[in-house]
Amino acid sequence: MNFTYKIATLNINAISSPMKMKMLTNFLLGQDIDIALLQEVANDDLSNTYGYIAHINEGIEKRGTAILMKEGISVNKIKTYRQAEG
């Protein structure tokens, strides 16, 4: 089997407004992105991104990373790293 995926990497700079979240979704769907690697994620709003499953890794000071995978792409053995506070 041959699998080809379209992958994008974006620094989203902690976007949280509904309009910017809609712009992100439109970009992903418009470009037919299969996997998006995101930096500077500051909230869990990405879990509501239409057509994608979010794997969020919260970082120090709430700035972390995330992977958005198009629904239907199967993954397993995902581990997340949580920075200990203190």
Foldseek 3Di string as FASTA:
>chain_A
DDDDFAEEEEELQQDDDPVVLVVVLCVCVVVVHFKYKYWQHQDDCVCPRPQWHKDWAQDPPRTGIIMTGGPPDDDDDDDHDHDDDD
